[in-house]
PDB file of N, CA and C in Angstrom:
ATOM      1  N   UNK A   1     -23.637 -13.475   8.896  1.00  0.00           N
ATOM      2  CA  UNK A   1     -23.661 -12.197   9.548  1.00  0.00           C
ATOM      3  C   UNK A   1     -23.745 -11.115   8.476  1.00  0.00           C
ATOM      4  N   UNK A   2     -24.626 -10.158   8.711  1.00  0.00           N
ATOM      5  CA  UNK A   2     -24.767  -9.020   7.814  1.00  0.00           C
ATOM      6  C   UNK A   2     -24.676  -7.731   8.611  1.00  0.00           C
ATOM      7  N   UNK A   3     -24.081  -6.724   7.988  1.00  0.00           N
ATOM      8  CA  UNK A   3     -23.979  -5.406   8.609  1.00  0.00           C
ATOM      9  C   UNK A   3     -24.552  -4.390   7.630  1.00  0.00           C
ATOM     10  N   UNK A   4     -25.507  -3.620   8.108  1.00  0.00           N
ATOM     11  CA  UNK A   4     -26.094  -2.565   7.304  1.00  0.00           C
ATOM     12  C   UNK A   4     -25.657  -1.230   7.883  1.00  0.00           C
ATOM     13  N   UNK A   5     -25.204  -0.333   7.025  1.00  0.00           N
ATOM     14  CA  UNK A   5     -24.787   1.004   7.413  1.00  0.00           C
ATOM     15  C   UNK A   5     -25.681   2.004   6.696  1.00  0.00           C
ATOM     16  N   UNK A   6     -26.325   2.863   7.475  1.00  0.00           N
ATOM     17  CA  UNK A   6     -27.156   3.922   6.917  1.00  0.00           C
ATOM     18  C   UNK A   6     -26.566   5.255   7.355  1.00  0.00           C
ATOM     19  N   UNK A   7     -26.364   6.137   6.391  1.00  0.00           N
ATOM     20  CA  UNK A   7     -25.836   7.460   6.695  1.00  0.00           C
ATOM     21  C   UNK A   7     -26.892   8.490   6.332  1.00  0.00           C
ATOM     22  N   UNK A   8     -27.123   9.426   7.259  1.00  0.00           N
ATOM     23  CA  UNK A   8     -28.046  10.522   6.998  1.00  0.00           C
ATOM     24  C   UNK A   8     -27.417  11.804   7.517  1.00  0.00           C
ATOM     25  N   UNK A   9     -28.081  12.912   7.233  1.00  0.00           N
ATOM     26  CA  UNK A   9     -27.566  14.197   7.694  1.00  0.00           C
ATOM     27  C   UNK A   9     -26.669  14.832   6.659  1.00  0.00           C
ATOM     28  N   UNK A  10     -25.773  15.675   7.129  1.00  0.00           N
ATOM     29  CA  UNK A  10     -24.930  16.425   6.217  1.00  0.00           C
ATOM     30  C   UNK A  10     -25.675  17.634   5.679  1.00  0.00           C
ATOM     31  N   UNK A  11     -24.998  18.433   4.927  1.00  0.00           N
ATOM     32  CA  UNK A  11     -25.564  19.681   4.421  1.00  0.00           C
ATOM     33  C   UNK A  11     -26.814  19.433   3.571  1.00  0.00           C
ATOM     34  N   UNK A  12     -26.764  18.445   2.680  1.00  0.00           N
ATOM     35  CA  UNK A  12     -27.886  18.176   1.781  1.00  0.00           C
ATOM     36  C   UNK A  12     -28.815  17.088   2.308  1.00  0.00           C
ATOM     37  N   UNK A  13     -28.479  16.482   3.438  1.00  0.00           N
ATOM     38  CA  UNK A  13     -29.254  15.390   4.037  1.00  0.00           C
ATOM     39  C   UNK A  13     -29.521  14.267   3.033  1.00  0.00           C
ATOM     40  N   UNK A  14     -28.497  13.912   2.273  1.00  0.00           N
ATOM     41  CA  UNK A  14     -28.596  12.799   1.334  1.00  0.00           C
ATOM     42  C   UNK A  14     -28.391  11.509   2.118  1.00  0.00           C
ATOM     43  N   UNK A  15     -29.331  10.603   2.005  1.00  0.00           N
ATOM     44  CA  UNK A  15     -29.249   9.327   2.720  1.00  0.00           C
ATOM     45  C   UNK A  15     -28.533   8.302   1.846  1.00  0.00           C
ATOM     46  N   UNK A  16     -27.741   7.485   2.509  1.00  0.00           N
ATOM     47  CA  UNK A  16     -26.990   6.441   1.817  1.00  0.00           C
ATOM     48  C   UNK A  16     -27.043   5.186   2.670  1.00  0.00           C
ATOM     49  N   UNK A  17     -27.168   4.036   2.022  1.00  0.00           N
ATOM     50  CA  UNK A  17     -27.252   2.782   2.741  1.00  0.00           C
ATOM     51  C   UNK A  17     -26.422   1.722   2.023  1.00  0.00           C
ATOM     52  N   UNK A  18     -25.656   0.962   2.787  1.00  0.00           N
ATOM     53  CA  UNK A  18     -24.895  -0.164   2.242  1.00  0.00           C
ATOM     54  C   UNK A  18     -25.083  -1.360   3.174  1.00  0.00           C
ATOM     55  N   UNK A  19     -25.086  -2.537   2.598  1.00  0.00           N
ATOM     56  CA  UNK A  19     -25.175  -3.767   3.381  1.00  0.00           C
ATOM     57  C   UNK A  19     -24.044  -4.687   2.948  1.00  0.00           C
ATOM     58  N   UNK A  20     -23.343  -5.227   3.921  1.00  0.00           N
ATOM     59  CA  UNK A  20     -22.248  -6.154   3.656  1.00  0.00           C
ATOM     60  C   UNK A  20     -22.590  -7.476   4.336  1.00  0.00           C
ATOM     61  N   UNK A  21     -22.598  -8.543   3.550  1.00  0.00           N
ATOM     62  CA  UNK A  21     -22.875  -9.885   4.051  1.00  0.00           C
ATOM     63  C   UNK A  21     -21.551 -10.639   4.132  1.00  0.00           C
ATOM     64  N   UNK A  22     -21.177 -11.056   5.328  1.00  0.00           N
ATOM     65  CA  UNK A  22     -19.898 -11.744   5.525  1.00  0.00           C
ATOM     66  C   UNK A  22     -19.814 -13.028   4.713  1.00  0.00           C
ATOM     67  N   UNK A  23     -20.948 -13.671   4.485  1.00  0.00           N
ATOM     68  CA  UNK A  23     -20.954 -14.924   3.728  1.00  0.00           C
ATOM     69  C   UNK A  23     -20.574 -14.702   2.261  1.00  0.00           C
ATOM     70  N   UNK A  24     -20.756 -13.491   1.765  1.00  0.00           N
ATOM     71  CA  UNK A  24     -20.439 -13.195   0.369  1.00  0.00           C
ATOM     72  C   UNK A  24     -19.008 -12.678   0.192  1.00  0.00           C
ATOM     73  N   UNK A  25     -18.299 -12.496   1.287  1.00  0.00           N
ATOM     74  CA  UNK A  25     -16.924 -11.976   1.236  1.00  0.00           C
ATOM     75  C   UNK A  25     -15.905 -13.103   1.130  1.00  0.00           C
ATOM     76  N   UNK A  26     -14.736 -12.777   0.636  1.00  0.00           N
ATOM     77  CA  UNK A  26     -13.620 -13.722   0.690  1.00  0.00           C
ATOM     78  C   UNK A  26     -13.317 -13.988   2.164  1.00  0.00           C
ATOM     79  N   UNK A  27     -12.822 -15.175   2.497  1.00  0.00           N
ATOM     80  CA  UNK A  27     -12.596 -15.515   3.905  1.00  0.00           C
ATOM     81  C   UNK A  27     -11.740 -14.495   4.669  1.00  0.00           C
ATOM     82  N   UNK A  28     -10.690 -13.978   4.051  1.00  0.00           N
ATOM     83  CA  UNK A  28      -9.845 -13.018   4.756  1.00  0.00           C
ATOM     84  C   UNK A  28     -10.577 -11.696   5.007  1.00  0.00           C
ATOM     85  N   UNK A  29     -11.461 -11.307   4.074  1.00  0.00           N
ATOM     86  CA  UNK A  29     -12.251 -10.081   4.260  1.00  0.00           C
ATOM     87  C   UNK A  29     -13.320 -10.280   5.342  1.00  0.00           C
ATOM     88  N   UNK A  30     -13.869 -11.477   5.426  1.00  0.00           N
ATOM     89  CA  UNK A  30     -14.857 -11.770   6.473  1.00  0.00           C
ATOM     90  C   UNK A  30     -14.204 -11.700   7.853  1.00  0.00           C
ATOM     91  N   UNK A  31     -12.980 -12.201   7.961  1.00  0.00           N
ATOM     92  CA  UNK A  31     -12.245 -12.118   9.228  1.00  0.00           C
ATOM     93  C   UNK A  31     -11.949 -10.662   9.558  1.00  0.00           C
ATOM     94  N   UNK A  32     -11.580  -9.898   8.556  1.00  0.00           N
ATOM     95  CA  UNK A  32     -11.306  -8.468   8.753  1.00  0.00           C
ATOM     96  C   UNK A  32     -12.556  -7.751   9.269  1.00  0.00           C
ATOM     97  N   UNK A  33     -13.713  -8.071   8.696  1.00  0.00           N
ATOM     98  CA  UNK A  33     -14.970  -7.477   9.152  1.00  0.00           C
ATOM     99  C   UNK A  33     -15.246  -7.839  10.609  1.00  0.00           C
ATOM    100  N   UNK A  34     -15.076  -9.097  10.957  1.00  0.00           N
ATOM    101  CA  UNK A  34     -15.310  -9.526  12.348  1.00  0.00           C
ATOM    102  C   UNK A  34     -14.362  -8.809  13.316  1.00  0.00           C
ATOM    103  N   UNK A  35     -13.117  -8.643  12.912  1.00  0.00           N
ATOM    104  CA  UNK A  35     -12.145  -7.939  13.753  1.00  0.00           C
ATOM    105  C   UNK A  35     -12.534  -6.471  13.940  1.00  0.00           C
ATOM    106  N   UNK A  36     -12.962  -5.824  12.859  1.00  0.00           N
ATOM    107  CA  UNK A  36     -13.389  -4.423  12.947  1.00  0.00           C
ATOM    108  C   UNK A  36     -14.620  -4.274  13.832  1.00  0.00           C
ATOM    109  N   UNK A  37     -15.556  -5.213  13.721  1.00  0.00           N
ATOM    110  CA  UNK A  37     -16.747  -5.180  14.567  1.00  0.00           C
ATOM    111  C   UNK A  37     -16.387  -5.346  16.040  1.00  0.00           C
ATOM    112  N   UNK A  38     -15.485  -6.272  16.318  1.00  0.00           N
ATOM    113  CA  UNK A  38     -15.062  -6.489  17.706  1.00  0.00           C
ATOM    114  C   UNK A  38     -14.386  -5.247  18.263  1.00  0.00           C
ATOM    115  N   UNK A  39     -13.523  -4.613  17.476  1.00  0.00           N
ATOM    116  CA  UNK A  39     -12.815  -3.419  17.927  1.00  0.00           C
ATOM    117  C   UNK A  39     -13.756  -2.235  18.129  1.00  0.00           C
ATOM    118  N   UNK A  40     -14.807  -2.143  17.304  1.00  0.00           N
ATOM    119  CA  UNK A  40     -15.736  -1.013  17.373  1.00  0.00           C
ATOM    120  C   UNK A  40     -16.601  -1.058  18.622  1.00  0.00           C
ATOM    121  N   UNK A  41     -16.814  -2.235  19.195  1.00  0.00           N
ATOM    122  CA  UNK A  41     -17.585  -2.345  20.431  1.00  0.00           C
ATOM    123  C   UNK A  41     -19.027  -1.907  20.299  1.00  0.00           C
ATOM    124  N   UNK A  42     -19.709  -2.353  19.255  1.00  0.00           N
ATOM    125  CA  UNK A  42     -21.097  -1.958  19.054  1.00  0.00           C
ATOM    126  C   UNK A  42     -21.991  -2.313  20.237  1.00  0.00           C
ATOM    127  N   UNK A  43     -21.656  -3.400  20.923  1.00  0.00           N
ATOM    128  CA  UNK A  43     -22.489  -3.832  22.047  1.00  0.00           C
ATOM    129  C   UNK A  43     -22.424  -2.879  23.238  1.00  0.00           C
ATOM    130  N   UNK A  44     -21.503  -1.939  23.235  1.00  0.00           N
ATOM    131  CA  UNK A  44     -21.394  -0.981  24.340  1.00  0.00           C
ATOM    132  C   UNK A  44     -22.055   0.363  24.020  1.00  0.00           C
ATOM    133  N   UNK A  45     -22.532   0.524  22.782  1.00  0.00           N
ATOM    134  CA  UNK A  45     -23.122   1.795  22.366  1.00  0.00           C
ATOM    135  C   UNK A  45     -24.630   1.795  22.570  1.00  0.00           C
ATOM    136  N   UNK A  46     -25.200   2.951  22.932  1.00  0.00           N
ATOM    137  CA  UNK A  46     -26.660   3.020  23.069  1.00  0.00           C
ATOM    138  C   UNK A  46     -27.330   2.960  21.701  1.00  0.00           C
ATOM    139  N   UNK A  47     -28.548   2.439  21.688  1.00  0.00           N
ATOM    140  CA  UNK A  47     -29.258   2.318  20.422  1.00  0.00           C
ATOM    141  C   UNK A  47     -29.551   3.694  19.824  1.00  0.00           C
ATOM    142  N   UNK A  48     -30.003   4.616  20.619  1.00  0.00           N
ATOM    143  CA  UNK A  48     -30.311   5.966  20.150  1.00  0.00           C
ATOM    144  C   UNK A  48     -29.755   6.987  21.129  1.00  0.00           C
ATOM    145  N   UNK A  49     -28.522   7.449  20.904  1.00  0.00           N
ATOM    146  CA  UNK A  49     -27.950   8.431  21.818  1.00  0.00           C
ATOM    147  C   UNK A  49     -28.703   9.758  21.721  1.00  0.00           C
ATOM    148  N   UNK A  50     -28.661  10.563  22.769  1.00  0.00           N
ATOM    149  CA  UNK A  50     -29.354  11.856  22.712  1.00  0.00           C
ATOM    150  C   UNK A  50     -28.711  12.757  21.656  1.00  0.00           C
ATOM    151  N   UNK A  51     -29.516  13.577  20.982  1.00  0.00           N
ATOM    152  CA  UNK A  51     -28.948  14.470  19.967  1.00  0.00           C
ATOM    153  C   UNK A  51     -28.036  15.511  20.597  1.00  0.00           C
ATOM    154  N   UNK A  52     -27.038  15.916  19.838  1.00  0.00           N
ATOM    155  CA  UNK A  52     -26.105  16.935  20.313  1.00  0.00           C
ATOM    156  C   UNK A  52     -26.488  18.268  19.696  1.00  0.00           C
ATOM    157  N   UNK A  53     -26.812  19.252  20.510  1.00  0.00           N
ATOM    158  CA  UNK A  53     -27.193  20.545  19.955  1.00  0.00           C
ATOM    159  C   UNK A  53     -26.008  21.233  19.281  1.00  0.00           C
ATOM    160  N   UNK A  54     -26.315  22.042  18.275  1.00  0.00           N
ATOM    161  CA  UNK A  54     -25.280  22.834  17.625  1.00  0.00           C
ATOM    162  C   UNK A  54     -24.530  22.140  16.515  1.00  0.00           C
ATOM    163  N   UNK A  55     -24.970  20.948  16.098  1.00  0.00           N
ATOM    164  CA  UNK A  55     -24.275  20.213  15.036  1.00  0.00           C
ATOM    165  C   UNK A  55     -25.278  19.724  13.986  1.00  0.00           C
ATOM    166  N   UNK A  56     -26.028  20.637  13.351  1.00  0.00           N
ATOM    167  CA  UNK A  56     -27.087  20.199  12.444  1.00  0.00           C
ATOM    168  C   UNK A  56     -26.603  19.564  11.142  1.00  0.00           C
ATOM    169  N   UNK A  57     -25.400  19.861  10.696  1.00  0.00           N
ATOM    170  CA  UNK A  57     -24.941  19.345   9.408  1.00  0.00           C
ATOM    171  C   UNK A  57     -24.002  18.150   9.515  1.00  0.00           C
ATOM    172  N   UNK A  58     -23.922  17.543  10.664  1.00  0.00           N
ATOM    173  CA  UNK A  58     -23.074  16.364  10.846  1.00  0.00           C
ATOM    174  C   UNK A  58     -23.782  15.132  10.311  1.00  0.00           C
ATOM    175  N   UNK A  59     -22.986  14.166   9.874  1.00  0.00           N
ATOM    176  CA  UNK A  59     -23.553  12.888   9.471  1.00  0.00           C
ATOM    177  C   UNK A  59     -23.917  12.087  10.711  1.00  0.00           C
ATOM    178  N   UNK A  60     -24.974  11.313  10.590  1.00  0.00           N
ATOM    179  CA  UNK A  60     -25.376  10.356  11.612  1.00  0.00           C
ATOM    180  C   UNK A  60     -25.349   8.984  10.952  1.00  0.00           C
ATOM    181  N   UNK A  61     -24.731   8.035  11.631  1.00  0.00           N
ATOM    182  CA  UNK A  61     -24.606   6.676  11.114  1.00  0.00           C
ATOM    183  C   UNK A  61     -25.440   5.729  11.963  1.00  0.00           C
ATOM    184  N   UNK A  62     -26.188   4.869  11.313  1.00  0.00           N
ATOM    185  CA  UNK A  62     -26.928   3.814  12.003  1.00  0.00           C
ATOM    186  C   UNK A  62     -26.388   2.490  11.479  1.00  0.00           C
ATOM    187  N   UNK A  63     -25.875   1.696  12.390  1.00  0.00           N
ATOM    188  CA  UNK A  63     -25.330   0.383  12.044  1.00  0.00           C
ATOM    189  C   UNK A  63     -26.247  -0.690  12.599  1.00  0.00           C
ATOM    190  N   UNK A  64     -26.586  -1.648  11.764  1.00  0.00           N
ATOM    191  CA  UNK A  64     -27.411  -2.772  12.196  1.00  0.00           C
ATOM    192  C   UNK A  64     -26.629  -4.048  11.925  1.00  0.00           C
ATOM    193  N   UNK A  65     -26.399  -4.801  12.970  1.00  0.00           N
ATOM    194  CA  UNK A  65     -25.692  -6.081  12.888  1.00  0.00           C
ATOM    195  C   UNK A  65     -26.717  -7.188  13.022  1.00  0.00           C
ATOM    196  N   UNK A  66     -26.772  -8.068  12.035  1.00  0.00           N
ATOM    197  CA  UNK A  66     -27.653  -9.229  12.058  1.00  0.00           C
ATOM    198  C   UNK A  66     -26.784 -10.479  12.076  1.00  0.00           C
ATOM    199  N   UNK A  67     -26.960 -11.307  13.104  1.00  0.00           N
ATOM    200  CA  UNK A  67     -26.226 -12.567  13.175  1.00  0.00           C
ATOM    201  C   UNK A  67     -27.111 -13.615  13.833  1.00  0.00           C
ATOM    202  N   UNK A  68     -26.516 -14.742  14.185  1.00  0.00           N
ATOM    203  CA  UNK A  68     -27.306 -15.833  14.763  1.00  0.00           C
ATOM    204  C   UNK A  68     -27.970 -15.447  16.083  1.00  0.00           C
ATOM    205  N   UNK A  69     -27.488 -14.428  16.748  1.00  0.00           N
ATOM    206  CA  UNK A  69     -28.075 -13.966  18.017  1.00  0.00           C
ATOM    207  C   UNK A  69     -29.249 -13.015  17.800  1.00  0.00           C
ATOM    208  N   UNK A  70     -29.477 -12.576  16.561  1.00  0.00           N
ATOM    209  CA  UNK A  70     -30.557 -11.634  16.265  1.00  0.00           C
ATOM    210  C   UNK A  70     -30.009 -10.381  15.609  1.00  0.00           C
ATOM    211  N   UNK A  71     -30.718  -9.283  15.799  1.00  0.00           N
ATOM    212  CA  UNK A  71     -30.310  -8.014  15.201  1.00  0.00           C
ATOM    213  C   UNK A  71     -30.166  -6.960  16.292  1.00  0.00           C
ATOM    214  N   UNK A  72     -29.182  -6.093  16.101  1.00  0.00           N
ATOM    215  CA  UNK A  72     -28.963  -4.988  17.025  1.00  0.00           C
ATOM    216  C   UNK A  72     -28.559  -3.778  16.206  1.00  0.00           C
ATOM    217  N   UNK A  73     -29.174  -2.633  16.516  1.00  0.00           N
ATOM    218  CA  UNK A  73     -28.861  -1.386  15.820  1.00  0.00           C
ATOM    219  C   UNK A  73     -28.359  -0.351  16.806  1.00  0.00           C
ATOM    220  N   UNK A  74     -27.425   0.448  16.353  1.00  0.00           N
ATOM    221  CA  UNK A  74     -26.916   1.573  17.134  1.00  0.00           C
ATOM    222  C   UNK A  74     -26.758   2.762  16.200  1.00  0.00           C
ATOM    223  N   UNK A  75     -26.827   3.955  16.782  1.00  0.00           N
ATOM    224  CA  UNK A  75     -26.625   5.185  16.021  1.00  0.00           C
ATOM    225  C   UNK A  75     -25.510   5.977  16.665  1.00  0.00           C
ATOM    226  N   UNK A  76     -24.756   6.679  15.824  1.00  0.00           N
ATOM    227  CA  UNK A  76     -23.659   7.512  16.311  1.00  0.00           C
ATOM    228  C   UNK A  76     -23.464   8.662  15.331  1.00  0.00           C
ATOM    229  N   UNK A  77     -23.131   9.818  15.854  1.00  0.00           N
ATOM    230  CA  UNK A  77     -22.849  10.949  14.965  1.00  0.00           C
ATOM    231  C   UNK A  77     -21.371  10.936  14.610  1.00  0.00           C
ATOM    232  N   UNK A  78     -21.037  11.571  13.504  1.00  0.00           N
ATOM    233  CA  UNK A  78     -19.654  11.534  13.029  1.00  0.00           C
ATOM    234  C   UNK A  78     -18.683  12.169  14.010  1.00  0.00           C
ATOM    235  N   UNK A  79     -19.140  13.133  14.796  1.00  0.00           N
ATOM    236  CA  UNK A  79     -18.219  13.807  15.715  1.00  0.00           C
ATOM    237  C   UNK A  79     -18.057  13.086  17.047  1.00  0.00           C
ATOM    238  N   UNK A  80     -18.847  12.044  17.284  1.00  0.00           N
ATOM    239  CA  UNK A  80     -18.693  11.286  18.526  1.00  0.00           C
ATOM    240  C   UNK A  80     -18.224   9.855  18.298  1.00  0.00           C
ATOM    241  N   UNK A  81     -18.073   9.461  17.032  1.00  0.00           N
ATOM    242  CA  UNK A  81     -17.647   8.093  16.720  1.00  0.00           C
ATOM    243  C   UNK A  81     -16.194   7.887  17.145  1.00  0.00           C
ATOM    244  N   UNK A  82     -15.951   6.762  17.798  1.00  0.00           N
ATOM    245  CA  UNK A  82     -14.585   6.421  18.194  1.00  0.00           C
ATOM    246  C   UNK A  82     -13.750   6.099  16.956  1.00  0.00           C
ATOM    247  N   UNK A  83     -12.456   6.086  17.122  1.00  0.00           N
ATOM    248  CA  UNK A  83     -11.549   5.766  16.016  1.00  0.00           C
ATOM    249  C   UNK A  83     -11.839   4.365  15.439  1.00  0.00           C
ATOM    250  N   UNK A  84     -12.000   3.324  16.290  1.00  0.00           N
ATOM    251  CA  UNK A  84     -12.316   2.000  15.730  1.00  0.00           C
ATOM    252  C   UNK A  84     -13.655   1.977  14.988  1.00  0.00           C
ATOM    253  N   UNK A  85     -14.621   2.734  15.474  1.00  0.00           N
ATOM    254  CA  UNK A  85     -15.914   2.783  14.803  1.00  0.00           C
ATOM    255  C   UNK A  85     -15.803   3.506  13.459  1.00  0.00           C
ATOM    256  N   UNK A  86     -14.997   4.546  13.394  1.00  0.00           N
ATOM    257  CA  UNK A  86     -14.771   5.235  12.116  1.00  0.00           C
ATOM    258  C   UNK A  86     -14.078   4.318  11.114  1.00  0.00           C
ATOM    259  N   UNK A  87     -13.152   3.477  11.592  1.00  0.00           N
ATOM    260  CA  UNK A  87     -12.501   2.505  10.700  1.00  0.00           C
ATOM    261  C   UNK A  87     -13.525   1.527  10.131  1.00  0.00           C
ATOM    262  N   UNK A  88     -14.434   1.067  10.979  1.00  0.00           N
ATOM    263  CA  UNK A  88     -15.487   0.152  10.530  1.00  0.00           C
ATOM    264  C   UNK A  88     -16.367   0.834   9.481  1.00  0.00           C
ATOM    265  N   UNK A  89     -16.798   2.054   9.746  1.00  0.00           N
ATOM    266  CA  UNK A  89     -17.653   2.792   8.808  1.00  0.00           C
ATOM    267  C   UNK A  89     -16.941   2.975   7.475  1.00  0.00           C
ATOM    268  N   UNK A  90     -15.690   3.387   7.512  1.00  0.00           N
ATOM    269  CA  UNK A  90     -14.917   3.573   6.279  1.00  0.00           C
ATOM    270  C   UNK A  90     -14.764   2.264   5.518  1.00  0.00           C
ATOM    271  N   UNK A  91     -14.505   1.182   6.247  1.00  0.00           N
ATOM    272  CA  UNK A  91     -14.329  -0.138   5.625  1.00  0.00           C
ATOM    273  C   UNK A  91     -15.631  -0.571   4.945  1.00  0.00           C
ATOM    274  N   UNK A  92     -16.761  -0.406   5.629  1.00  0.00           N
ATOM    275  CA  UNK A  92     -18.053  -0.781   5.044  1.00  0.00           C
ATOM    276  C   UNK A  92     -18.347   0.023   3.791  1.00  0.00           C
ATOM    277  N   UNK A  93     -18.095   1.328   3.835  1.00  0.00           N
ATOM    278  CA  UNK A  93     -18.345   2.160   2.663  1.00  0.00           C
ATOM    279  C   UNK A  93     -17.411   1.768   1.512  1.00  0.00           C
ATOM    280  N   UNK A  94     -16.142   1.515   1.817  1.00  0.00           N
ATOM    281  CA  UNK A  94     -15.184   1.113   0.797  1.00  0.00           C
ATOM    282  C   UNK A  94     -15.504  -0.232   0.189  1.00  0.00           C
ATOM    283  N   UNK A  95     -15.958  -1.177   1.001  1.00  0.00           N
ATOM    284  CA  UNK A  95     -16.314  -2.504   0.507  1.00  0.00           C
ATOM    285  C   UNK A  95     -17.513  -2.427  -0.417  1.00  0.00           C
ATOM    286  N   UNK A  96     -18.467  -1.612  -0.074  1.00  0.00           N
ATOM    287  CA  UNK A  96     -19.671  -1.476  -0.909  1.00  0.00           C
ATOM    288  C   UNK A  96     -19.347  -0.815  -2.243  1.00  0.00           C
ATOM    289  N   UNK A  97     -18.339   0.050  -2.269  1.00  0.00           N
ATOM    290  CA  UNK A  97     -17.974   0.755  -3.506  1.00  0.00           C
ATOM    291  C   UNK A  97     -17.139  -0.102  -4.441  1.00  0.00           C
ATOM    292  N   UNK A  98     -16.505  -1.145  -3.914  1.00  0.00           N
ATOM    293  CA  UNK A  98     -15.635  -1.968  -4.769  1.00  0.00           C
ATOM    294  C   UNK A  98     -16.359  -3.137  -5.381  1.00  0.00           C
TER     295      UNK A  98
END
């Protein structure tokens, strides 16, 4: 299973992308990733939600999950992301930085 996180937007519109492969993680970190994915409920989010007017400098996150079932991508803006989804985003960014 692989998860790709792409961030765009913000004041300077600097794009950032990280990919985390569960197979390359320590077993406890792979379980943590699976738990965060389950809590985030990616399967309930629309692939491309309608844009929200009045928020031009917000970050937009696109998450792509690739597993044995195929690939699925969803997008969410920073101001509409649920708490579990924000935890997942933070975890992915932190894992890529370490």
